[in-house]
Each structure stands twice: as C-alpha cells, then as structure tokens.
Amino acid sequence: MELNKLNMYKKFNALEDVELNTNLLIIQEITAKWYKARPDNLDLKLLKDAVLKITQISNKLSYEKSLYYKTIEEYRADKLRAIERARRAEQELLKYREKLKL
C-alpha cells in the first residue's frame, strides 16, 4: 500500500510540475514580449527579473522534491534488502541449530 501511495504522489507531482512549468513559460513569454516592446519601462524590467528569479526557485524546488522521492525509494530499498538478509540469516541459523541437535 505504501508503494502505491508513493507512486500516486509521484504521478500527481509530475502533473503539477508540468502545469507549473507551462504557466511559467506563458508568463515568461508575455513578459518578454512586453519588455521587448517597452525596454525602457522600469516596471517591466523589474517584472522580467522577478519572473526569472521565480522560475529559478521553482526549478530548484522541483529538483529538490525529485531528490526527496529518490531518497525515500533508496531508503525503502535498503530496508527491504536488510529485512531479506535478516530472514536468510535466520534460516541459516535454524539449519545450523538443527544440524547441531542431530
């Protein structure tokens, strides 16, 4: 169940990332068009710079979020490997104990 939830979160996050990037591109294009038409307008220059900074921060946060989910998957895989190793060790120990009893 936990893995299914994680996969659903990843799918929803991917959709959110696409939507966010699409909207940022729209804002960037409109801002660039306005700025090209009026490059002497100080407010448009501030807007252009702010949009670029917001885009940079958004990309950084998306990257960090992907690293977070990758780390969770790695921890989960490590945990499952440790459990499997412990089970194999217990089985070997039981076999060894049975041999000693004979």
PDB file of N, CA and C in Angstrom:
ATOM      1  N   MET A   1       0.825  -1.202   0.000  1.00  0.00           N
ATOM      2  CA  MET A   1       0.000   0.000   0.000  1.00  0.00           C
ATOM      3  C   MET A   1       0.864   1.259   0.000  1.00  0.00           C
ATOM      4  N   GLU A   2       1.923   1.242   0.791  1.00  0.00           N
ATOM      5  CA  GLU A   2       2.799   2.407   0.886  1.00  0.00           C
ATOM      6  C   GLU A   2       3.426   2.739  -0.469  1.00  0.00           C
ATOM      7  N   LEU A   3       3.829   1.710  -1.203  1.00  0.00           N
ATOM      8  CA  LEU A   3       4.441   1.926  -2.520  1.00  0.00           C
ATOM      9  C   LEU A   3       3.421   2.503  -3.500  1.00  0.00           C
ATOM     10  N   ASN A   4       2.170   2.035  -3.416  1.00  0.00           N
ATOM     11  CA  ASN A   4       1.121   2.574  -4.289  1.00  0.00           C
ATOM     12  C   ASN A   4       0.882   4.053  -4.013  1.00  0.00           C
ATOM     13  N   LYS A   5       0.886   4.429  -2.729  1.00  0.00           N
ATOM     14  CA  LYS A   5       0.710   5.836  -2.381  1.00  0.00           C
ATOM     15  C   LYS A   5       1.853   6.670  -2.930  1.00  0.00           C
ATOM     16  N   LEU A   6       3.065   6.172  -2.786  1.00  0.00           N
ATOM     17  CA  LEU A   6       4.237   6.893  -3.274  1.00  0.00           C
ATOM     18  C   LEU A   6       4.156   7.085  -4.787  1.00  0.00           C
ATOM     19  N   ASN A   7       3.751   6.046  -5.497  1.00  0.00           N
ATOM     20  CA  ASN A   7       3.621   6.157  -6.956  1.00  0.00           C
ATOM     21  C   ASN A   7       2.540   7.155  -7.348  1.00  0.00           C
ATOM     22  N   MET A   8       1.446   7.184  -6.598  1.00  0.00           N
ATOM     23  CA  MET A   8       0.378   8.154  -6.893  1.00  0.00           C
ATOM     24  C   MET A   8       0.872   9.574  -6.632  1.00  0.00           C
ATOM     25  N   TYR A   9       1.576   9.769  -5.521  1.00  0.00           N
ATOM     26  CA  TYR A   9       2.139  11.095  -5.237  1.00  0.00           C
ATOM     27  C   TYR A   9       3.077  11.533  -6.347  1.00  0.00           C
ATOM     28  N   LYS A  10       3.896  10.595  -6.830  1.00  0.00           N
ATOM     29  CA  LYS A  10       4.834  10.931  -7.898  1.00  0.00           C
ATOM     30  C   LYS A  10       4.092  11.338  -9.175  1.00  0.00           C
ATOM     31  N   LYS A  11       2.999  10.639  -9.480  1.00  0.00           N
ATOM     32  CA  LYS A  11       2.218  10.979 -10.669  1.00  0.00           C
ATOM     33  C   LYS A  11       1.580  12.357 -10.527  1.00  0.00           C
ATOM     34  N   PHE A  12       0.986  12.624  -9.358  1.00  0.00           N
ATOM     35  CA  PHE A  12       0.378  13.931  -9.131  1.00  0.00           C
ATOM     36  C   PHE A  12       1.425  15.038  -9.164  1.00  0.00           C
ATOM     37  N   ASN A  13       2.586  14.772  -8.587  1.00  0.00           N
ATOM     38  CA  ASN A  13       3.658  15.764  -8.609  1.00  0.00           C
ATOM     39  C   ASN A  13       4.144  16.029 -10.027  1.00  0.00           C
ATOM     40  N   ALA A  14       4.210  14.987 -10.835  1.00  0.00           N
ATOM     41  CA  ALA A  14       4.626  15.175 -12.229  1.00  0.00           C
ATOM     42  C   ALA A  14       3.623  16.044 -12.971  1.00  0.00           C
ATOM     43  N   LEU A  15       2.336  15.806 -12.737  1.00  0.00           N
ATOM     44  CA  LEU A  15       1.306  16.637 -13.365  1.00  0.00           C
ATOM     45  C   LEU A  15       1.388  18.091 -12.881  1.00  0.00           C
ATOM     46  N   GLU A  16       1.626  18.263 -11.581  1.00  0.00           N
ATOM     47  CA  GLU A  16       1.780  19.615 -11.048  1.00  0.00           C
ATOM     48  C   GLU A  16       2.992  20.305 -11.650  1.00  0.00           C
ATOM     49  N   ASP A  17       4.087  19.572 -11.808  1.00  0.00           N
ATOM     50  CA  ASP A  17       5.299  20.146 -12.395  1.00  0.00           C
ATOM     51  C   ASP A  17       5.059  20.593 -13.832  1.00  0.00           C
ATOM     52  N   VAL A  18       4.348  19.779 -14.594  1.00  0.00           N
ATOM     53  CA  VAL A  18       4.039  20.152 -15.979  1.00  0.00           C
ATOM     54  C   VAL A  18       3.169  21.404 -16.005  1.00  0.00           C
ATOM     55  N   GLU A  19       2.162  21.431 -15.152  1.00  0.00           N
ATOM     56  CA  GLU A  19       1.272  22.594 -15.100  1.00  0.00           C
ATOM     57  C   GLU A  19       2.036  23.850 -14.665  1.00  0.00           C
ATOM     58  N   LEU A  20       2.879  23.720 -13.661  1.00  0.00           N
ATOM     59  CA  LEU A  20       3.673  24.855 -13.184  1.00  0.00           C
ATOM     60  C   LEU A  20       4.611  25.365 -14.269  1.00  0.00           C
ATOM     61  N   ASN A  21       5.318  24.444 -14.923  1.00  0.00           N
ATOM     62  CA  ASN A  21       6.242  24.849 -15.983  1.00  0.00           C
ATOM     63  C   ASN A  21       5.515  25.492 -17.158  1.00  0.00           C
ATOM     64  N   THR A  22       4.358  24.978 -17.504  1.00  0.00           N
ATOM     65  CA  THR A  22       3.569  25.561 -18.585  1.00  0.00           C
ATOM     66  C   THR A  22       3.159  26.992 -18.247  1.00  0.00           C
ATOM     67  N   ASN A  23       2.659  27.181 -17.038  1.00  0.00           N
ATOM     68  CA  ASN A  23       2.238  28.524 -16.631  1.00  0.00           C
ATOM     69  C   ASN A  23       3.424  29.486 -16.537  1.00  0.00           C
ATOM     70  N   LEU A  24       4.551  29.000 -16.054  1.00  0.00           N
ATOM     71  CA  LEU A  24       5.736  29.859 -16.002  1.00  0.00           C
ATOM     72  C   LEU A  24       6.196  30.257 -17.404  1.00  0.00           C
ATOM     73  N   LEU A  25       6.122  29.321 -18.343  1.00  0.00           N
ATOM     74  CA  LEU A  25       6.501  29.648 -19.720  1.00  0.00           C
ATOM     75  C   LEU A  25       5.574  30.699 -20.330  1.00  0.00           C
ATOM     76  N   ILE A  26       4.291  30.575 -20.042  1.00  0.00           N
ATOM     77  CA  ILE A  26       3.329  31.569 -20.539  1.00  0.00           C
ATOM     78  C   ILE A  26       3.668  32.944 -19.974  1.00  0.00           C
ATOM     79  N   ILE A  27       3.909  32.996 -18.672  1.00  0.00           N
ATOM     80  CA  ILE A  27       4.256  34.276 -18.034  1.00  0.00           C
ATOM     81  C   ILE A  27       5.551  34.832 -18.607  1.00  0.00           C
ATOM     82  N   GLN A  28       6.534  33.963 -18.816  1.00  0.00           N
ATOM     83  CA  GLN A  28       7.815  34.406 -19.368  1.00  0.00           C
ATOM     84  C   GLN A  28       7.655  34.968 -20.778  1.00  0.00           C
ATOM     85  N   GLU A  29       6.879  34.286 -21.596  1.00  0.00           N
ATOM     86  CA  GLU A  29       6.686  34.743 -22.976  1.00  0.00           C
ATOM     87  C   GLU A  29       5.979  36.099 -23.033  1.00  0.00           C
ATOM     88  N   ILE A  30       4.931  36.244 -22.245  1.00  0.00           N
ATOM     89  CA  ILE A  30       4.188  37.511 -22.245  1.00  0.00           C
ATOM     90  C   ILE A  30       5.073  38.629 -21.702  1.00  0.00           C
ATOM     91  N   THR A  31       5.788  38.342 -20.632  1.00  0.00           N
ATOM     92  CA  THR A  31       6.677  39.352 -20.051  1.00  0.00           C
ATOM     93  C   THR A  31       7.768  39.746 -21.042  1.00  0.00           C
ATOM     94  N   ALA A  32       8.358  38.771 -21.726  1.00  0.00           N
ATOM     95  CA  ALA A  32       9.409  39.074 -22.711  1.00  0.00           C
ATOM     96  C   ALA A  32       8.845  39.915 -23.854  1.00  0.00           C
ATOM     97  N   LYS A  33       7.638  39.595 -24.289  1.00  0.00           N
ATOM     98  CA  LYS A  33       7.008  40.356 -25.380  1.00  0.00           C
ATOM     99  C   LYS A  33       6.779  41.805 -24.950  1.00  0.00           C
ATOM    100  N   TRP A  34       6.249  41.990 -23.761  1.00  0.00           N
ATOM    101  CA  TRP A  34       6.025  43.347 -23.262  1.00  0.00           C
ATOM    102  C   TRP A  34       7.346  44.097 -23.086  1.00  0.00           C
ATOM    103  N   TYR A  35       8.346  43.383 -22.562  1.00  0.00           N
ATOM    104  CA  TYR A  35       9.630  44.035 -22.314  1.00  0.00           C
ATOM    105  C   TYR A  35      10.301  44.453 -23.627  1.00  0.00           C
ATOM    106  N   LYS A  36      10.196  43.607 -24.649  1.00  0.00           N
ATOM    107  CA  LYS A  36      10.767  43.960 -25.960  1.00  0.00           C
ATOM    108  C   LYS A  36      10.064  45.183 -26.556  1.00  0.00           C
ATOM    109  N   ALA A  37       8.778  45.306 -26.303  1.00  0.00           N
ATOM    110  CA  ALA A  37       8.031  46.451 -26.821  1.00  0.00           C
ATOM    111  C   ALA A  37       8.378  47.741 -26.069  1.00  0.00           C
ATOM    112  N   ARG A  38       8.699  47.623 -24.795  1.00  0.00           N
ATOM    113  CA  ARG A  38       9.000  48.800 -23.972  1.00  0.00           C
ATOM    114  C   ARG A  38      10.222  48.538 -23.081  1.00  0.00           C
ATOM    115  N   PRO A  39      11.424  48.393 -23.641  1.00  0.00           N
ATOM    116  CA  PRO A  39      12.608  48.070 -22.832  1.00  0.00           C
ATOM    117  C   PRO A  39      13.013  49.191 -21.871  1.00  0.00           C
ATOM    118  N   ASP A  40      12.498  50.370 -22.061  1.00  0.00           N
ATOM    119  CA  ASP A  40      12.847  51.483 -21.169  1.00  0.00           C
ATOM    120  C   ASP A  40      11.941  51.556 -19.942  1.00  0.00           C
ATOM    121  N   ASN A  41      10.925  50.698 -19.880  1.00  0.00           N
ATOM    122  CA  ASN A  41       9.983  50.704 -18.763  1.00  0.00           C
ATOM    123  C   ASN A  41      10.599  49.977 -17.565  1.00  0.00           C
ATOM    124  N   LEU A  42      10.819  50.716 -16.487  1.00  0.00           N
ATOM    125  CA  LEU A  42      11.465  50.148 -15.296  1.00  0.00           C
ATOM    126  C   LEU A  42      10.617  49.054 -14.654  1.00  0.00           C
ATOM    127  N   ASP A  43       9.306  49.245 -14.617  1.00  0.00           N
ATOM    128  CA  ASP A  43       8.425  48.229 -14.023  1.00  0.00           C
ATOM    129  C   ASP A  43       8.495  46.911 -14.793  1.00  0.00           C
ATOM    130  N   LEU A  44       8.546  46.981 -16.121  1.00  0.00           N
ATOM    131  CA  LEU A  44       8.637  45.759 -16.921  1.00  0.00           C
ATOM    132  C   LEU A  44       9.981  45.057 -16.705  1.00  0.00           C
ATOM    133  N   LYS A  45      11.036  45.835 -16.522  1.00  0.00           N
ATOM    134  CA  LYS A  45      12.347  45.239 -16.244  1.00  0.00           C
ATOM    135  C   LYS A  45      12.321  44.518 -14.897  1.00  0.00           C
ATOM    136  N   LEU A  46      11.723  45.151 -13.896  1.00  0.00           N
ATOM    137  CA  LEU A  46      11.590  44.512 -12.579  1.00  0.00           C
ATOM    138  C   LEU A  46      10.742  43.248 -12.666  1.00  0.00           C
ATOM    139  N   LEU A  47       9.650  43.317 -13.440  1.00  0.00           N
ATOM    140  CA  LEU A  47       8.778  42.155 -13.627  1.00  0.00           C
ATOM    141  C   LEU A  47       9.543  41.022 -14.307  1.00  0.00           C
ATOM    142  N   LYS A  48      10.288  41.355 -15.353  1.00  0.00           N
ATOM    143  CA  LYS A  48      11.058  40.336 -16.074  1.00  0.00           C
ATOM    144  C   LYS A  48      12.059  39.658 -15.137  1.00  0.00           C
ATOM    145  N   ASP A  49      12.777  40.450 -14.358  1.00  0.00           N
ATOM    146  CA  ASP A  49      13.761  39.900 -13.429  1.00  0.00           C
ATOM    147  C   ASP A  49      13.096  39.028 -12.355  1.00  0.00           C
ATOM    148  N   ALA A  50      11.952  39.487 -11.848  1.00  0.00           N
ATOM    149  CA  ALA A  50      11.231  38.723 -10.826  1.00  0.00           C
ATOM    150  C   ALA A  50      10.737  37.388 -11.376  1.00  0.00           C
ATOM    151  N   VAL A  51      10.228  37.402 -12.603  1.00  0.00           N
ATOM    152  CA  VAL A  51       9.745  36.156 -13.219  1.00  0.00           C
ATOM    153  C   VAL A  51      10.901  35.173 -13.394  1.00  0.00           C
ATOM    154  N   LEU A  52      12.046  35.666 -13.802  1.00  0.00           N
ATOM    155  CA  LEU A  52      13.211  34.783 -13.967  1.00  0.00           C
ATOM    156  C   LEU A  52      13.656  34.201 -12.629  1.00  0.00           C
ATOM    157  N   LYS A  53      13.637  35.016 -11.568  1.00  0.00           N
ATOM    158  CA  LYS A  53      14.013  34.515 -10.239  1.00  0.00           C
ATOM    159  C   LYS A  53      13.009  33.480  -9.738  1.00  0.00           C
ATOM    160  N   ILE A  54      11.733  33.744  -9.947  1.00  0.00           N
ATOM    161  CA  ILE A  54      10.695  32.794  -9.529  1.00  0.00           C
ATOM    162  C   ILE A  54      10.867  31.467 -10.278  1.00  0.00           C
ATOM    163  N   THR A  55      11.161  31.548 -11.558  1.00  0.00           N
ATOM    164  CA  THR A  55      11.373  30.334 -12.353  1.00  0.00           C
ATOM    165  C   THR A  55      12.570  29.555 -11.834  1.00  0.00           C
ATOM    166  N   GLN A  56      13.631  30.256 -11.514  1.00  0.00           N
ATOM    167  CA  GLN A  56      14.825  29.593 -10.987  1.00  0.00           C
ATOM    168  C   GLN A  56      14.526  28.897  -9.657  1.00  0.00           C
ATOM    169  N   ILE A  57      13.825  29.585  -8.771  1.00  0.00           N
ATOM    170  CA  ILE A  57      13.464  28.992  -7.480  1.00  0.00           C
ATOM    171  C   ILE A  57      12.545  27.791  -7.682  1.00  0.00           C
ATOM    172  N   SER A  58      11.589  27.918  -8.584  1.00  0.00           N
ATOM    173  CA  SER A  58      10.669  26.819  -8.867  1.00  0.00           C
ATOM    174  C   SER A  58      11.412  25.592  -9.381  1.00  0.00           C
ATOM    175  N   ASN A  59      12.356  25.810 -10.286  1.00  0.00           N
ATOM    176  CA  ASN A  59      13.140  24.682 -10.810  1.00  0.00           C
ATOM    177  C   ASN A  59      13.969  24.029  -9.711  1.00  0.00           C
ATOM    178  N   LYS A  60      14.534  24.839  -8.831  1.00  0.00           N
ATOM    179  CA  LYS A  60      15.327  24.311  -7.719  1.00  0.00           C
ATOM    180  C   LYS A  60      14.446  23.465  -6.793  1.00  0.00           C
ATOM    181  N   LEU A  61      13.257  23.973  -6.466  1.00  0.00           N
ATOM    182  CA  LEU A  61      12.351  23.233  -5.591  1.00  0.00           C
ATOM    183  C   LEU A  61      11.884  21.929  -6.239  1.00  0.00           C
ATOM    184  N   SER A  62      11.625  21.954  -7.523  1.00  0.00           N
ATOM    185  CA  SER A  62      11.228  20.731  -8.227  1.00  0.00           C
ATOM    186  C   SER A  62      12.350  19.698  -8.195  1.00  0.00           C
ATOM    187  N   TYR A  63      13.570  20.170  -8.381  1.00  0.00           N
ATOM    188  CA  TYR A  63      14.726  19.271  -8.331  1.00  0.00           C
ATOM    189  C   TYR A  63      14.893  18.682  -6.934  1.00  0.00           C
ATOM    190  N   GLU A  64      14.756  19.509  -5.910  1.00  0.00           N
ATOM    191  CA  GLU A  64      14.877  19.025  -4.537  1.00  0.00           C
ATOM    192  C   GLU A  64      13.770  18.026  -4.214  1.00  0.00           C
ATOM    193  N   LYS A  65      12.577  18.268  -4.734  1.00  0.00           N
ATOM    194  CA  LYS A  65      11.465  17.345  -4.495  1.00  0.00           C
ATOM    195  C   LYS A  65      11.757  15.993  -5.149  1.00  0.00           C
ATOM    196  N   SER A  66      12.323  16.020  -6.358  1.00  0.00           N
ATOM    197  CA  SER A  66      12.654  14.752  -7.015  1.00  0.00           C
ATOM    198  C   SER A  66      13.744  14.011  -6.250  1.00  0.00           C
ATOM    199  N   LEU A  67      14.706  14.737  -5.693  1.00  0.00           N
ATOM    200  CA  LEU A  67      15.736  14.104  -4.863  1.00  0.00           C
ATOM    201  C   LEU A  67      15.139  13.500  -3.599  1.00  0.00           C
ATOM    202  N   TYR A  68      14.164  14.184  -3.027  1.00  0.00           N
ATOM    203  CA  TYR A  68      13.479  13.681  -1.838  1.00  0.00           C
ATOM    204  C   TYR A  68      12.819  12.328  -2.115  1.00  0.00           C
ATOM    205  N   TYR A  69      12.067  12.241  -3.216  1.00  0.00           N
ATOM    206  CA  TYR A  69      11.398  10.986  -3.539  1.00  0.00           C
ATOM    207  C   TYR A  69      12.400   9.897  -3.905  1.00  0.00           C
ATOM    208  N   LYS A  70      13.484  10.265  -4.560  1.00  0.00           N
ATOM    209  CA  LYS A  70      14.519   9.287  -4.876  1.00  0.00           C
ATOM    210  C   LYS A  70      15.148   8.751  -3.598  1.00  0.00           C
ATOM    211  N   THR A  71      15.394   9.622  -2.638  1.00  0.00           N
ATOM    212  CA  THR A  71      15.966   9.206  -1.362  1.00  0.00           C
ATOM    213  C   THR A  71      15.023   8.279  -0.615  1.00  0.00           C
ATOM    214  N   ILE A  72      13.738   8.594  -0.627  1.00  0.00           N
ATOM    215  CA  ILE A  72      12.752   7.723   0.027  1.00  0.00           C
ATOM    216  C   ILE A  72      12.782   6.330  -0.606  1.00  0.00           C
ATOM    217  N   GLU A  73      12.832   6.280  -1.935  1.00  0.00           N
ATOM    218  CA  GLU A  73      12.880   4.986  -2.623  1.00  0.00           C
ATOM    219  C   GLU A  73      14.146   4.215  -2.258  1.00  0.00           C
ATOM    220  N   GLU A  74      15.278   4.915  -2.167  1.00  0.00           N
ATOM    221  CA  GLU A  74      16.525   4.247  -1.805  1.00  0.00           C
ATOM    222  C   GLU A  74      16.474   3.724  -0.378  1.00  0.00           C
ATOM    223  N   TYR A  75      15.944   4.516   0.557  1.00  0.00           N
ATOM    224  CA  TYR A  75      15.809   4.050   1.941  1.00  0.00           C
ATOM    225  C   TYR A  75      14.894   2.836   2.019  1.00  0.00           C
ATOM    226  N   ARG A  76      13.826   2.877   1.270  1.00  0.00           N
ATOM    227  CA  ARG A  76      12.889   1.744   1.269  1.00  0.00           C
ATOM    228  C   ARG A  76      13.566   0.497   0.714  1.00  0.00           C
ATOM    229  N   ALA A  77      14.304   0.646  -0.370  1.00  0.00           N
ATOM    230  CA  ALA A  77      15.010  -0.494  -0.958  1.00  0.00           C
ATOM    231  C   ALA A  77      16.062  -1.027   0.009  1.00  0.00           C
ATOM    232  N   ASP A  78      16.778  -0.134   0.683  1.00  0.00           N
ATOM    233  CA  ASP A  78      17.764  -0.566   1.678  1.00  0.00           C
ATOM    234  C   ASP A  78      17.101  -1.333   2.812  1.00  0.00           C
ATOM    235  N   LYS A  79      15.964  -0.839   3.260  1.00  0.00           N
ATOM    236  CA  LYS A  79      15.231  -1.511   4.340  1.00  0.00           C
ATOM    237  C   LYS A  79      14.795  -2.910   3.906  1.00  0.00           C
ATOM    238  N   LEU A  80      14.266  -3.023   2.691  1.00  0.00           N
ATOM    239  CA  LEU A  80      13.816  -4.333   2.210  1.00  0.00           C
ATOM    240  C   LEU A  80      14.982  -5.299   2.050  1.00  0.00           C
ATOM    241  N   ARG A  81      16.135  -4.783   1.575  1.00  0.00           N
ATOM    242  CA  ARG A  81      17.317  -5.652   1.471  1.00  0.00           C
ATOM    243  C   ARG A  81      17.780  -6.114   2.840  1.00  0.00           C
ATOM    244  N   ALA A  82      17.744  -5.237   3.830  1.00  0.00           N
ATOM    245  CA  ALA A  82      18.156  -5.602   5.186  1.00  0.00           C
ATOM    246  C   ALA A  82      17.218  -6.653   5.773  1.00  0.00           C
ATOM    247  N   ILE A  83      15.934  -6.499   5.521  1.00  0.00           N
ATOM    248  CA  ILE A  83      14.957  -7.480   6.007  1.00  0.00           C
ATOM    249  C   ILE A  83      15.211  -8.834   5.356  1.00  0.00           C
ATOM    250  N   GLU A  84      15.453  -8.814   4.053  1.00  0.00           N
ATOM    251  CA  GLU A  84      15.711 -10.070   3.334  1.00  0.00           C
ATOM    252  C   GLU A  84      16.979 -10.749   3.846  1.00  0.00           C
ATOM    253  N   ARG A  85      18.035  -9.955   4.074  1.00  0.00           N
ATOM    254  CA  ARG A  85      19.281 -10.523   4.611  1.00  0.00           C
ATOM    255  C   ARG A  85      19.048 -11.119   5.994  1.00  0.00           C
ATOM    256  N   ALA A  86      18.269 -10.435   6.826  1.00  0.00           N
ATOM    257  CA  ALA A  86      17.981 -10.940   8.170  1.00  0.00           C
ATOM    258  C   ALA A  86      17.204 -12.241   8.101  1.00  0.00           C
ATOM    259  N   ARG A  87      16.271 -12.347   7.191  1.00  0.00           N
ATOM    260  CA  ARG A  87      15.491 -13.588   7.043  1.00  0.00           C
ATOM    261  C   ARG A  87      16.378 -14.746   6.597  1.00  0.00           C
ATOM    262  N   ARG A  88      17.276 -14.446   5.622  1.00  0.00           N
ATOM    263  CA  ARG A  88      18.191 -15.503   5.177  1.00  0.00           C
ATOM    264  C   ARG A  88      19.119 -15.936   6.311  1.00  0.00           C
ATOM    265  N   ALA A  89      19.575 -14.977   7.097  1.00  0.00           N
ATOM    266  CA  ALA A  89      20.457 -15.302   8.217  1.00  0.00           C
ATOM    267  C   ALA A  89      19.718 -16.147   9.252  1.00  0.00           C
ATOM    268  N   GLU A  90      18.469 -15.833   9.517  1.00  0.00           N
ATOM    269  CA  GLU A  90      17.674 -16.625  10.456  1.00  0.00           C
ATOM    270  C   GLU A  90      17.475 -18.046   9.950  1.00  0.00           C
ATOM    271  N   GLN A  91      17.227 -18.190   8.651  1.00  0.00           N
ATOM    272  CA  GLN A  91      17.060 -19.535   8.091  1.00  0.00           C
ATOM    273  C   GLN A  91      18.346 -20.335   8.198  1.00  0.00           C
ATOM    274  N   GLU A  92      19.465 -19.708   7.902  1.00  0.00           N
ATOM    275  CA  GLU A  92      20.758 -20.390   8.021  1.00  0.00           C
ATOM    276  C   GLU A  92      21.031 -20.780   9.471  1.00  0.00           C
ATOM    277  N   LEU A  93      20.689 -19.897  10.397  1.00  0.00           N
ATOM    278  CA  LEU A  93      20.887 -20.185  11.807  1.00  0.00           C
ATOM    279  C   LEU A  93      20.031 -21.364  12.243  1.00  0.00           C
ATOM    280  N   LEU A  94      18.787 -21.419  11.780  1.00  0.00           N
ATOM    281  CA  LEU A  94      17.915 -22.549  12.106  1.00  0.00           C
ATOM    282  C   LEU A  94      18.467 -23.852  11.544  1.00  0.00           C
ATOM    283  N   LYS A  95      18.970 -23.826  10.314  1.00  0.00           N
ATOM    284  CA  LYS A  95      19.566 -25.023   9.726  1.00  0.00           C
ATOM    285  C   LYS A  95      20.772 -25.479  10.539  1.00  0.00           C
ATOM    286  N   TYR A  96      21.589 -24.525  10.939  1.00  0.00           N
ATOM    287  CA  TYR A  96      22.796 -24.844  11.725  1.00  0.00           C
ATOM    288  C   TYR A  96      22.402 -25.438  13.069  1.00  0.00           C
ATOM    289  N   ARG A  97      21.400 -24.883  13.716  1.00  0.00           N
ATOM    290  CA  ARG A  97      20.935 -25.403  15.024  1.00  0.00           C
ATOM    291  C   ARG A  97      20.374 -26.822  14.875  1.00  0.00           C
ATOM    292  N   GLU A  98      19.653 -27.066  13.800  1.00  0.00           N
ATOM    293  CA  GLU A  98      19.109 -28.403  13.560  1.00  0.00           C
ATOM    294  C   GLU A  98      20.224 -29.428  13.355  1.00  0.00           C
ATOM    295  N   LYS A  99      21.268 -29.040  12.645  1.00  0.00           N
ATOM    296  CA  LYS A  99      22.398 -29.930  12.461  1.00  0.00           C
ATOM    297  C   LYS A  99      23.087 -30.226  13.778  1.00  0.00           C
ATOM    298  N   LEU A 100      23.186 -29.259  14.641  1.00  0.00           N
ATOM    299  CA  LEU A 100      23.839 -29.464  15.940  1.00  0.00           C
ATOM    300  C   LEU A 100      23.040 -30.392  16.838  1.00  0.00           C
ATOM    301  N   LYS A 101      21.716 -30.385  16.717  1.00  0.00           N
ATOM    302  CA  LYS A 101      20.872 -31.242  17.539  1.00  0.00           C
ATOM    303  C   LYS A 101      20.980 -32.696  17.131  1.00  0.00           C
ATOM    304  N   LEU A 102      21.333 -32.943  15.880  1.00  0.00           N
ATOM    305  CA  LEU A 102      21.429 -34.335  15.427  1.00  0.00           C
ATOM    306  C   LEU A 102      22.636 -34.965  15.937  1.00  0.00           C
TER     307      LEU A 102
END
